[in-house]
Amino acid sequence: MKARYAWRLLSGLFILPFVYAAGAVVVAREIWLLLKRRASDRQALGADCKALLAVRDALCGTAALNWRADLDIALWEGVELRNGRVVGLHLPNYGLTGSIPSALGRLTSLTGLALGYNQLTGEIPSELGMLSNLESLSLNDNQLTSAIPPSLGNLENLWSLDLRHNQLTGEIPSELGMLSKLGTLHLEYNRLTGTIPSTLGNMTNLTHLYLHNNELTGTLPSKLCGLSKLIGLFFQHNQLTGPIPPTLDKLTNLTHLFLHNNQLTGVIPPLLIHRSRARFLTLDVSGNGELLIPSELGGP
């Protein structure tokens, strides 16, 4: 018994240094990985700083911005940091002029970009479609022109897109239908033409769709009936034609349906009128072509 105990003791004394050595190796490796991660984070933040300085140099009217290399980026105006990366750029109503720099596409951790209420001109750079983490994009109330880049359809995490009150032209890209997480889409008060893409019916989380005060033509896509969470649909002041799809009465969460001042014709779906009279739905179809109330509800 004593011999067996002595053997175990000697074995433990022999193995113990190796155990301590192995533990030291593990700790050393963890420290090395931590330092490597921190170095990588510093490198990534440095790239973000470089991109922001390129943005500053590309814009005009940025005299109020305190972005400079000798000031900690955490103190830069409008810049939000998280975990050592730039995640937000919020510069509404800063008097910014010039065009939106493509260098913004290098801020790969960006979740929020707000440049509304400025005097920005030119086109929306397609490089913004590279911001795969972006959740909110607000470029409203500027003087942006040209077409909406289809690359914005790549922003799979986007839940709010606001491009209203600009001078955007061309058709609404069908690629926007890939924004499955989008809750609000503002495209009103532009100069958009063409038809409403049926792919917008794929945005199943959409609650508010604003397309009014453009130059849109064609009919209302029946596929919009798939937007079961839709609360507000605003298509007024366009050049839309044809009937109101009866399938719109399937949108049971809809509380606002504005279709006035178009060229719509045909019979208004009865259920929409019932809901309007019951004050469950604010319905405006005035200023259209020959829209009729169903005879069973008092129409001709």
C-alpha atoms as a PDB file:
ATOM      1  CA  MET A   1       0.000   0.000   0.000  1.00  0.00           C
ATOM      2  CA  LYS A   2       2.827   2.365   0.992  1.00  0.00           C
ATOM      3  CA  ALA A   3       4.698   1.566  -2.200  1.00  0.00           C
ATOM      4  CA  ARG A   4       1.631   2.264  -4.317  1.00  0.00           C
ATOM      5  CA  TYR A   5       1.074   5.601  -2.511  1.00  0.00           C
ATOM      6  CA  ALA A   6       4.716   6.536  -2.968  1.00  0.00           C
ATOM      7  CA  TRP A   7       4.526   5.727  -6.647  1.00  0.00           C
ATOM      8  CA  ARG A   8       1.443   7.948  -7.079  1.00  0.00           C
ATOM      9  CA  LEU A   9       3.192  10.751  -5.215  1.00  0.00           C
ATOM     10  CA  LEU A  10       6.308  10.498  -7.350  1.00  0.00           C
ATOM     11  CA  SER A  11       4.193  10.333 -10.507  1.00  0.00           C
ATOM     12  CA  GLY A  12       2.345  13.481  -9.449  1.00  0.00           C
ATOM     13  CA  LEU A  13       5.554  15.308  -8.742  1.00  0.00           C
ATOM     14  CA  PHE A  14       6.850  14.253 -12.144  1.00  0.00           C
ATOM     15  CA  ILE A  15       3.687  15.283 -14.053  1.00  0.00           C
ATOM     16  CA  LEU A  16       2.995  18.527 -12.141  1.00  0.00           C
ATOM     17  CA  PRO A  17       5.638  20.662 -13.920  1.00  0.00           C
ATOM     18  CA  PHE A  18       4.218  19.608 -17.276  1.00  0.00           C
ATOM     19  CA  VAL A  19       0.695  20.542 -16.148  1.00  0.00           C
ATOM     20  CA  TYR A  20       1.907  23.968 -15.065  1.00  0.00           C
ATOM     21  CA  ALA A  21       3.812  24.339 -18.339  1.00  0.00           C
ATOM     22  CA  ALA A  22       0.764  23.382 -20.387  1.00  0.00           C
ATOM     23  CA  GLY A  23      -1.350  25.891 -18.447  1.00  0.00           C
ATOM     24  CA  ALA A  24       1.240  28.582 -19.035  1.00  0.00           C
ATOM     25  CA  VAL A  25       1.174  27.838 -22.755  1.00  0.00           C
ATOM     26  CA  VAL A  26      -2.630  28.176 -22.806  1.00  0.00           C
ATOM     27  CA  VAL A  27      -2.485  31.494 -20.923  1.00  0.00           C
ATOM     28  CA  ALA A  28       0.278  32.767 -23.186  1.00  0.00           C
ATOM     29  CA  ARG A  29      -1.727  31.823 -26.256  1.00  0.00           C
ATOM     30  CA  GLU A  30      -4.812  33.630 -24.906  1.00  0.00           C
ATOM     31  CA  ILE A  31      -2.742  36.745 -24.223  1.00  0.00           C
ATOM     32  CA  TRP A  32      -1.253  36.545 -27.720  1.00  0.00           C
ATOM     33  CA  LEU A  33      -4.715  36.198 -29.292  1.00  0.00           C
ATOM     34  CA  LEU A  34      -5.998  39.133 -27.247  1.00  0.00           C
ATOM     35  CA  LEU A  35      -3.100  41.344 -28.301  1.00  0.00           C
ATOM     36  CA  LYS A  36      -3.553  40.230 -31.899  1.00  0.00           C
ATOM     37  CA  ARG A  37      -7.270  41.034 -31.729  1.00  0.00           C
ATOM     38  CA  ARG A  38      -6.562  44.456 -30.258  1.00  0.00           C
ATOM     39  CA  ALA A  39      -4.008  45.141 -32.965  1.00  0.00           C
ATOM     40  CA  SER A  40      -6.566  44.100 -35.571  1.00  0.00           C
ATOM     41  CA  ASP A  41      -9.189  46.344 -33.951  1.00  0.00           C
ATOM     42  CA  ARG A  42      -6.771  49.280 -33.966  1.00  0.00           C
ATOM     43  CA  GLN A  43      -6.020  48.619 -37.620  1.00  0.00           C
ATOM     44  CA  ALA A  44      -9.754  48.491 -38.461  1.00  0.00           C
ATOM     45  CA  LEU A  45     -10.439  51.713 -36.548  1.00  0.00           C
ATOM     46  CA  GLY A  46      -7.512  53.320 -38.355  1.00  0.00           C
ATOM     47  CA  ALA A  47      -9.113  52.357 -41.672  1.00  0.00           C
ATOM     48  CA  ASP A  48     -12.395  53.886 -40.488  1.00  0.00           C
ATOM     49  CA  CYS A  49     -10.588  57.119 -39.585  1.00  0.00           C
ATOM     50  CA  LYS A  50      -8.950  57.220 -42.992  1.00  0.00           C
ATOM     51  CA  ALA A  51     -12.306  56.703 -44.718  1.00  0.00           C
ATOM     52  CA  LEU A  52     -13.938  59.483 -42.686  1.00  0.00           C
ATOM     53  CA  LEU A  53     -11.138  61.908 -43.499  1.00  0.00           C
ATOM     54  CA  ALA A  54     -11.668  61.092 -47.173  1.00  0.00           C
ATOM     55  CA  VAL A  55     -15.371  61.828 -46.680  1.00  0.00           C
ATOM     56  CA  ARG A  56     -14.537  65.154 -45.039  1.00  0.00           C
ATOM     57  CA  ASP A  57     -12.243  66.140 -47.894  1.00  0.00           C
ATOM     58  CA  ALA A  58     -14.852  65.235 -50.515  1.00  0.00           C
ATOM     59  CA  LEU A  59     -17.624  67.306 -48.965  1.00  0.00           C
ATOM     60  CA  CYS A  60     -17.943  71.059 -48.929  1.00  0.00           C
ATOM     61  CA  GLY A  61     -19.425  73.188 -46.205  1.00  0.00           C
ATOM     62  CA  THR A  62     -17.851  71.031 -43.489  1.00  0.00           C
ATOM     63  CA  ALA A  63     -16.093  73.827 -41.629  1.00  0.00           C
ATOM     64  CA  ALA A  64     -18.098  73.050 -38.488  1.00  0.00           C
ATOM     65  CA  LEU A  65     -16.862  69.447 -38.370  1.00  0.00           C
ATOM     66  CA  ASN A  66     -14.011  68.859 -35.951  1.00  0.00           C
ATOM     67  CA  TRP A  67     -12.688  65.792 -37.783  1.00  0.00           C
ATOM     68  CA  ARG A  68      -8.908  65.887 -37.741  1.00  0.00           C
ATOM     69  CA  ALA A  69      -6.096  63.407 -37.231  1.00  0.00           C
ATOM     70  CA  ASP A  70      -4.824  64.944 -33.979  1.00  0.00           C
ATOM     71  CA  LEU A  71      -8.189  64.572 -32.222  1.00  0.00           C
ATOM     72  CA  ASP A  72      -9.469  61.319 -30.753  1.00  0.00           C
ATOM     73  CA  ILE A  73     -12.110  59.921 -33.129  1.00  0.00           C
ATOM     74  CA  ALA A  74     -14.381  59.379 -30.136  1.00  0.00           C
ATOM     75  CA  LEU A  75     -14.729  63.178 -30.014  1.00  0.00           C
ATOM     76  CA  TRP A  76     -15.546  63.649 -33.692  1.00  0.00           C
ATOM     77  CA  GLU A  77     -18.919  65.245 -34.263  1.00  0.00           C
ATOM     78  CA  GLY A  78     -21.652  62.957 -35.517  1.00  0.00           C
ATOM     79  CA  VAL A  79     -19.510  59.817 -35.209  1.00  0.00           C
ATOM     80  CA  GLU A  80     -20.706  56.887 -33.090  1.00  0.00           C
ATOM     81  CA  LEU A  81     -18.263  54.204 -31.951  1.00  0.00           C
ATOM     82  CA  ARG A  82     -18.919  50.728 -30.607  1.00  0.00           C
ATOM     83  CA  ASN A  83     -16.370  48.026 -29.843  1.00  0.00           C
ATOM     84  CA  GLY A  84     -13.637  50.045 -31.502  1.00  0.00           C
ATOM     85  CA  ARG A  85     -15.451  50.569 -34.823  1.00  0.00           C
ATOM     86  CA  VAL A  86     -17.459  53.364 -36.420  1.00  0.00           C
ATOM     87  CA  VAL A  87     -21.092  52.185 -36.338  1.00  0.00           C
ATOM     88  CA  GLY A  88     -22.956  55.460 -36.792  1.00  0.00           C
ATOM     89  CA  LEU A  89     -22.606  58.652 -38.806  1.00  0.00           C
ATOM     90  CA  HIS A  90     -25.279  61.196 -37.898  1.00  0.00           C
ATOM     91  CA  LEU A  91     -24.974  64.592 -39.601  1.00  0.00           C
ATOM     92  CA  PRO A  92     -28.496  65.878 -40.285  1.00  0.00           C
ATOM     93  CA  ASN A  93     -28.885  69.611 -40.919  1.00  0.00           C
ATOM     94  CA  TYR A  94     -25.134  70.309 -40.911  1.00  0.00           C
ATOM     95  CA  GLY A  95     -25.160  72.505 -44.021  1.00  0.00           C
ATOM     96  CA  LEU A  96     -23.249  69.886 -45.995  1.00  0.00           C
ATOM     97  CA  THR A  97     -22.866  70.458 -49.728  1.00  0.00           C
ATOM     98  CA  GLY A  98     -21.195  68.537 -52.538  1.00  0.00           C
ATOM     99  CA  SER A  99     -21.831  64.917 -53.467  1.00  0.00           C
ATOM    100  CA  ILE A 100     -22.016  61.867 -51.225  1.00  0.00           C
ATOM    101  CA  PRO A 101     -18.516  60.316 -51.236  1.00  0.00           C
ATOM    102  CA  SER A 102     -18.102  56.712 -52.296  1.00  0.00           C
ATOM    103  CA  ALA A 103     -15.593  56.356 -49.419  1.00  0.00           C
ATOM    104  CA  LEU A 104     -18.566  55.805 -47.114  1.00  0.00           C
ATOM    105  CA  GLY A 105     -18.735  52.304 -48.561  1.00  0.00           C
ATOM    106  CA  ARG A 106     -15.510  51.503 -46.663  1.00  0.00           C
ATOM    107  CA  LEU A 107     -17.157  51.936 -43.245  1.00  0.00           C
ATOM    108  CA  THR A 108     -18.060  48.259 -43.119  1.00  0.00           C
ATOM    109  CA  SER A 109     -19.392  48.259 -39.530  1.00  0.00           C
ATOM    110  CA  LEU A 110     -21.795  51.125 -40.116  1.00  0.00           C
ATOM    111  CA  THR A 111     -25.340  50.464 -38.878  1.00  0.00           C
ATOM    112  CA  GLY A 112     -26.744  53.992 -39.141  1.00  0.00           C
ATOM    113  CA  LEU A 113     -26.142  56.690 -41.781  1.00  0.00           C
ATOM    114  CA  ALA A 114     -28.084  59.962 -41.497  1.00  0.00           C
ATOM    115  CA  LEU A 115     -27.238  62.794 -43.904  1.00  0.00           C
ATOM    116  CA  GLY A 116     -30.706  64.302 -44.240  1.00  0.00           C
ATOM    117  CA  TYR A 117     -31.637  67.992 -44.322  1.00  0.00           C
ATOM    118  CA  ASN A 118     -28.470  69.143 -46.061  1.00  0.00           C
ATOM    119  CA  GLN A 119     -27.749  70.455 -49.563  1.00  0.00           C
ATOM    120  CA  LEU A 120     -26.090  67.387 -51.001  1.00  0.00           C
ATOM    121  CA  THR A 121     -26.197  67.023 -54.779  1.00  0.00           C
ATOM    122  CA  GLY A 122     -25.307  64.411 -57.380  1.00  0.00           C
ATOM    123  CA  GLU A 123     -26.149  60.724 -57.310  1.00  0.00           C
ATOM    124  CA  ILE A 124     -26.342  58.172 -54.537  1.00  0.00           C
ATOM    125  CA  PRO A 125     -23.102  56.153 -54.782  1.00  0.00           C
ATOM    126  CA  SER A 126     -23.604  52.478 -55.500  1.00  0.00           C
ATOM    127  CA  GLU A 127     -20.864  51.748 -52.933  1.00  0.00           C
ATOM    128  CA  LEU A 128     -23.427  52.258 -50.163  1.00  0.00           C
ATOM    129  CA  GLY A 129     -24.715  48.831 -51.154  1.00  0.00           C
ATOM    130  CA  MET A 130     -21.533  47.395 -49.614  1.00  0.00           C
ATOM    131  CA  LEU A 131     -22.613  48.386 -46.084  1.00  0.00           C
ATOM    132  CA  SER A 132     -24.030  44.973 -45.201  1.00  0.00           C
ATOM    133  CA  ASN A 133     -24.560  45.889 -41.523  1.00  0.00           C
ATOM    134  CA  LEU A 134     -26.563  49.031 -42.268  1.00  0.00           C
ATOM    135  CA  GLU A 135     -29.932  49.172 -40.531  1.00  0.00           C
ATOM    136  CA  SER A 136     -31.012  52.756 -41.194  1.00  0.00           C
ATOM    137  CA  LEU A 137     -30.239  54.972 -44.221  1.00  0.00           C
ATOM    138  CA  SER A 138     -31.535  58.568 -44.275  1.00  0.00           C
ATOM    139  CA  LEU A 139     -30.619  60.805 -47.211  1.00  0.00           C
ATOM    140  CA  ASN A 140     -33.865  62.758 -47.198  1.00  0.00           C
ATOM    141  CA  ASP A 141     -34.351  66.480 -47.891  1.00  0.00           C
ATOM    142  CA  ASN A 142     -31.319  67.039 -50.081  1.00  0.00           C
ATOM    143  CA  GLN A 143     -30.956  67.767 -53.794  1.00  0.00           C
ATOM    144  CA  LEU A 144     -29.908  64.325 -54.945  1.00  0.00           C
ATOM    145  CA  THR A 145     -30.458  63.434 -58.581  1.00  0.00           C
ATOM    146  CA  SER A 146     -30.171  60.462 -60.937  1.00  0.00           C
ATOM    147  CA  ALA A 147     -31.548  56.981 -60.273  1.00  0.00           C
ATOM    148  CA  ILE A 148     -31.742  54.955 -57.075  1.00  0.00           C
ATOM    149  CA  PRO A 149     -28.854  52.459 -57.270  1.00  0.00           C
ATOM    150  CA  PRO A 150     -30.031  48.830 -57.436  1.00  0.00           C
ATOM    151  CA  SER A 151     -27.162  47.930 -55.085  1.00  0.00           C
ATOM    152  CA  LEU A 152     -29.236  49.233 -52.164  1.00  0.00           C
ATOM    153  CA  GLY A 153     -31.124  45.959 -52.494  1.00  0.00           C
ATOM    154  CA  ASN A 154     -28.045  44.268 -50.980  1.00  0.00           C
ATOM    155  CA  LEU A 155     -28.618  45.905 -47.582  1.00  0.00           C
ATOM    156  CA  GLU A 156     -30.208  42.827 -46.066  1.00  0.00           C
ATOM    157  CA  ASN A 157     -30.297  44.260 -42.513  1.00  0.00           C
ATOM    158  CA  LEU A 158     -31.962  47.530 -43.458  1.00  0.00           C
ATOM    159  CA  TRP A 159     -35.201  48.342 -41.625  1.00  0.00           C
ATOM    160  CA  SER A 160     -35.573  52.007 -42.622  1.00  0.00           C
ATOM    161  CA  LEU A 161     -34.831  53.671 -45.982  1.00  0.00           C
ATOM    162  CA  ASP A 162     -35.570  57.392 -46.372  1.00  0.00           C
ATOM    163  CA  LEU A 163     -34.882  59.083 -49.720  1.00  0.00           C
ATOM    164  CA  ARG A 164     -37.818  61.520 -49.739  1.00  0.00           C
ATOM    165  CA  HIS A 165     -37.724  65.157 -50.817  1.00  0.00           C
ATOM    166  CA  ASN A 166     -34.961  64.880 -53.407  1.00  0.00           C
ATOM    167  CA  GLN A 167     -34.904  65.044 -57.208  1.00  0.00           C
ATOM    168  CA  LEU A 168     -34.373  61.356 -57.896  1.00  0.00           C
ATOM    169  CA  THR A 169     -35.372  60.119 -61.337  1.00  0.00           C
ATOM    170  CA  GLY A 170     -35.773  56.815 -63.151  1.00  0.00           C
ATOM    171  CA  GLU A 171     -37.657  53.734 -62.031  1.00  0.00           C
ATOM    172  CA  ILE A 172     -37.873  52.201 -58.586  1.00  0.00           C
ATOM    173  CA  PRO A 173     -35.337  49.329 -58.661  1.00  0.00           C
ATOM    174  CA  SER A 174     -36.972  45.930 -58.413  1.00  0.00           C
ATOM    175  CA  GLU A 175     -33.989  44.923 -56.244  1.00  0.00           C
ATOM    176  CA  LEU A 176     -35.485  46.865 -53.338  1.00  0.00           C
ATOM    177  CA  GLY A 177     -37.871  43.939 -52.997  1.00  0.00           C
ATOM    178  CA  MET A 178     -34.986  41.953 -51.492  1.00  0.00           C
ATOM    179  CA  LEU A 179     -35.056  44.146 -48.353  1.00  0.00           C
ATOM    180  CA  SER A 180     -36.985  41.586 -46.347  1.00  0.00           C
ATOM    181  CA  LYS A 181     -36.414  43.342 -42.993  1.00  0.00           C
ATOM    182  CA  LEU A 182     -37.500  46.773 -44.183  1.00  0.00           C
ATOM    183  CA  GLY A 183     -40.268  48.338 -42.125  1.00  0.00           C
ATOM    184  CA  THR A 184     -40.513  51.830 -43.639  1.00  0.00           C
ATOM    185  CA  LEU A 185     -39.802  52.986 -47.197  1.00  0.00           C
ATOM    186  CA  HIS A 186     -39.858  56.723 -47.989  1.00  0.00           C
ATOM    187  CA  LEU A 187     -39.527  57.590 -51.690  1.00  0.00           C
ATOM    188  CA  GLU A 188     -42.086  60.403 -51.848  1.00  0.00           C
ATOM    189  CA  TYR A 189     -41.564  63.850 -53.380  1.00  0.00           C
ATOM    190  CA  ASN A 190     -39.112  62.845 -56.079  1.00  0.00           C
ATOM    191  CA  ARG A 191     -39.407  62.527 -59.864  1.00  0.00           C
ATOM    192  CA  LEU A 192     -39.588  58.764 -60.083  1.00  0.00           C
ATOM    193  CA  THR A 193     -41.203  57.291 -63.196  1.00  0.00           C
ATOM    194  CA  GLY A 194     -42.245  53.883 -64.467  1.00  0.00           C
ATOM    195  CA  THR A 195     -44.390  51.306 -62.752  1.00  0.00           C
ATOM    196  CA  ILE A 196     -44.468  50.149 -59.143  1.00  0.00           C
ATOM    197  CA  PRO A 197     -42.365  46.952 -59.014  1.00  0.00           C
ATOM    198  CA  SER A 198     -44.347  43.900 -57.987  1.00  0.00           C
ATOM    199  CA  THR A 199     -41.256  42.776 -56.037  1.00  0.00           C
ATOM    200  CA  LEU A 200     -42.161  45.312 -53.345  1.00  0.00           C
ATOM    201  CA  GLY A 201     -44.724  42.715 -52.329  1.00  0.00           C
ATOM    202  CA  ASN A 202     -41.828  40.586 -51.048  1.00  0.00           C
ATOM    203  CA  MET A 203     -41.024  43.033 -48.234  1.00  0.00           C
ATOM    204  CA  THR A 204     -43.115  41.148 -45.718  1.00  0.00           C
ATOM    205  CA  ASN A 205     -42.092  43.281 -42.716  1.00  0.00           C
ATOM    206  CA  LEU A 206     -43.121  46.541 -44.344  1.00  0.00           C
ATOM    207  CA  THR A 207     -45.513  48.672 -42.283  1.00  0.00           C
ATOM    208  CA  HIS A 208     -45.404  51.996 -44.179  1.00  0.00           C
ATOM    209  CA  LEU A 209     -44.922  52.555 -47.920  1.00  0.00           C
ATOM    210  CA  TYR A 210     -44.652  56.145 -49.166  1.00  0.00           C
ATOM    211  CA  LEU A 211     -44.511  56.620 -52.947  1.00  0.00           C
ATOM    212  CA  HIS A 212     -46.679  59.718 -53.309  1.00  0.00           C
ATOM    213  CA  ASN A 213     -45.916  62.864 -55.297  1.00  0.00           C
ATOM    214  CA  ASN A 214     -43.885  61.217 -58.025  1.00  0.00           C
ATOM    215  CA  GLU A 215     -44.640  60.492 -61.687  1.00  0.00           C
ATOM    216  CA  LEU A 216     -45.396  56.794 -61.383  1.00  0.00           C
ATOM    217  CA  THR A 217     -47.574  55.124 -64.012  1.00  0.00           C
ATOM    218  CA  GLY A 218     -49.204  51.743 -64.598  1.00  0.00           C
ATOM    219  CA  THR A 219     -51.470  49.744 -62.345  1.00  0.00           C
ATOM    220  CA  LEU A 220     -51.385  48.878 -58.660  1.00  0.00           C
ATOM    221  CA  PRO A 221     -49.599  45.514 -58.247  1.00  0.00           C
ATOM    222  CA  SER A 222     -51.924  42.879 -56.835  1.00  0.00           C
ATOM    223  CA  LYS A 223     -48.904  41.329 -55.098  1.00  0.00           C
ATOM    224  CA  LEU A 224     -49.053  44.131 -52.532  1.00  0.00           C
ATOM    225  CA  CYS A 225     -51.721  42.032 -50.807  1.00  0.00           C
ATOM    226  CA  GLY A 226     -48.862  39.955 -49.377  1.00  0.00           C
ATOM    227  CA  LEU A 227     -47.777  42.847 -47.141  1.00  0.00           C
ATOM    228  CA  SER A 228     -49.764  41.603 -44.162  1.00  0.00           C
ATOM    229  CA  LYS A 229     -48.128  44.018 -41.684  1.00  0.00           C
ATOM    230  CA  LEU A 230     -48.832  47.091 -43.788  1.00  0.00           C
ATOM    231  CA  ILE A 231     -50.420  49.977 -41.863  1.00  0.00           C
ATOM    232  CA  GLY A 232     -50.089  52.877 -44.301  1.00  0.00           C
ATOM    233  CA  LEU A 233     -50.087  52.914 -48.121  1.00  0.00           C
ATOM    234  CA  PHE A 234     -49.533  56.323 -49.710  1.00  0.00           C
ATOM    235  CA  PHE A 235     -49.680  56.436 -53.527  1.00  0.00           C
ATOM    236  CA  GLN A 236     -51.450  59.774 -54.081  1.00  0.00           C
ATOM    237  CA  HIS A 237     -50.454  62.387 -56.672  1.00  0.00           C
ATOM    238  CA  ASN A 238     -49.060  60.057 -59.328  1.00  0.00           C
ATOM    239  CA  GLN A 239     -50.378  58.932 -62.713  1.00  0.00           C
ATOM    240  CA  LEU A 240     -51.560  55.462 -61.768  1.00  0.00           C
ATOM    241  CA  THR A 241     -54.250  53.841 -63.901  1.00  0.00           C
ATOM    242  CA  GLY A 242     -56.537  50.827 -63.849  1.00  0.00           C
ATOM    243  CA  PRO A 243     -58.640  49.417 -60.996  1.00  0.00           C
ATOM    244  CA  ILE A 244     -57.955  49.126 -57.293  1.00  0.00           C
ATOM    245  CA  PRO A 245     -57.041  45.438 -56.811  1.00  0.00           C
ATOM    246  CA  PRO A 246     -59.739  43.654 -54.761  1.00  0.00           C
ATOM    247  CA  THR A 247     -56.924  41.787 -53.014  1.00  0.00           C
ATOM    248  CA  LEU A 248     -56.064  44.957 -51.074  1.00  0.00           C
ATOM    249  CA  ASP A 249     -58.946  44.151 -48.773  1.00  0.00           C
ATOM    250  CA  LYS A 250     -56.769  41.345 -47.388  1.00  0.00           C
ATOM    251  CA  LEU A 251     -54.558  43.951 -45.696  1.00  0.00           C
ATOM    252  CA  THR A 252     -56.379  43.766 -42.380  1.00  0.00           C
ATOM    253  CA  ASN A 253     -53.834  45.932 -40.530  1.00  0.00           C
ATOM    254  CA  LEU A 254     -54.181  48.787 -43.025  1.00  0.00           C
ATOM    255  CA  THR A 255     -55.404  52.023 -41.409  1.00  0.00           C
ATOM    256  CA  HIS A 256     -54.445  54.559 -44.117  1.00  0.00           C
ATOM    257  CA  LEU A 257     -54.955  54.104 -47.873  1.00  0.00           C
ATOM    258  CA  PHE A 258     -54.331  57.240 -49.919  1.00  0.00           C
ATOM    259  CA  LEU A 259     -54.835  56.874 -53.669  1.00  0.00           C
ATOM    260  CA  HIS A 260     -56.212  60.308 -54.535  1.00  0.00           C
ATOM    261  CA  ASN A 261     -55.216  62.373 -57.553  1.00  0.00           C
ATOM    262  CA  ASN A 262     -54.365  59.539 -59.912  1.00  0.00           C
ATOM    263  CA  GLN A 263     -56.217  58.158 -62.935  1.00  0.00           C
ATOM    264  CA  LEU A 264     -57.712  55.071 -61.350  1.00  0.00           C
ATOM    265  CA  THR A 265     -60.928  53.571 -62.723  1.00  0.00           C
ATOM    266  CA  GLY A 266     -63.358  50.781 -61.966  1.00  0.00           C
ATOM    267  CA  VAL A 267     -65.265  49.814 -58.834  1.00  0.00           C
ATOM    268  CA  ILE A 268     -63.891  50.418 -55.355  1.00  0.00           C
ATOM    269  CA  PRO A 269     -63.629  47.072 -53.491  1.00  0.00           C
ATOM    270  CA  PRO A 270     -66.666  46.877 -51.163  1.00  0.00           C
ATOM    271  CA  LEU A 271     -64.739  45.757 -48.079  1.00  0.00           C
ATOM    272  CA  LEU A 272     -62.541  48.858 -48.257  1.00  0.00           C
ATOM    273  CA  ILE A 273     -65.643  51.030 -48.220  1.00  0.00           C
ATOM    274  CA  HIS A 274     -67.119  49.060 -45.311  1.00  0.00           C
ATOM    275  CA  ARG A 275     -63.941  49.536 -43.280  1.00  0.00           C
ATOM    276  CA  SER A 276     -63.818  53.219 -44.184  1.00  0.00           C
ATOM    277  CA  ARG A 277     -67.419  53.780 -43.092  1.00  0.00           C
ATOM    278  CA  ALA A 278     -66.700  51.908 -39.878  1.00  0.00           C
ATOM    279  CA  ARG A 279     -63.731  54.241 -39.342  1.00  0.00           C
ATOM    280  CA  PHE A 280     -61.251  51.396 -39.278  1.00  0.00           C
ATOM    281  CA  LEU A 281     -59.631  52.746 -42.452  1.00  0.00           C
ATOM    282  CA  THR A 282     -58.861  56.279 -43.634  1.00  0.00           C
ATOM    283  CA  LEU A 283     -59.544  55.991 -47.358  1.00  0.00           C
ATOM    284  CA  ASP A 284     -59.044  58.784 -49.922  1.00  0.00           C
ATOM    285  CA  VAL A 285     -59.700  58.008 -53.587  1.00  0.00           C
ATOM    286  CA  SER A 286     -60.798  61.477 -54.659  1.00  0.00           C
ATOM    287  CA  GLY A 287     -59.525  63.159 -57.823  1.00  0.00           C
ATOM    288  CA  ASN A 288     -59.355  59.987 -59.914  1.00  0.00           C
ATOM    289  CA  GLY A 289     -60.859  59.067 -63.279  1.00  0.00           C
ATOM    290  CA  GLU A 290     -64.058  57.058 -62.984  1.00  0.00           C
ATOM    291  CA  LEU A 291     -63.932  55.250 -59.676  1.00  0.00           C
ATOM    292  CA  LEU A 292     -67.355  53.954 -58.689  1.00  0.00           C
ATOM    293  CA  ILE A 293     -68.953  52.879 -55.441  1.00  0.00           C
ATOM    294  CA  PRO A 294     -70.519  49.389 -55.737  1.00  0.00           C
ATOM    295  CA  SER A 295     -74.278  49.497 -56.405  1.00  0.00           C
ATOM    296  CA  GLU A 296     -75.024  47.464 -53.294  1.00  0.00           C
ATOM    297  CA  LEU A 297     -73.438  50.241 -51.249  1.00  0.00           C
ATOM    298  CA  GLY A 298     -75.325  53.074 -52.879  1.00  0.00           C
ATOM    299  CA  GLY A 299     -73.388  53.482 -56.102  1.00  0.00           C
ATOM    300  CA  PRO A 300     -74.889  53.825 -59.590  1.00  0.00           C
END
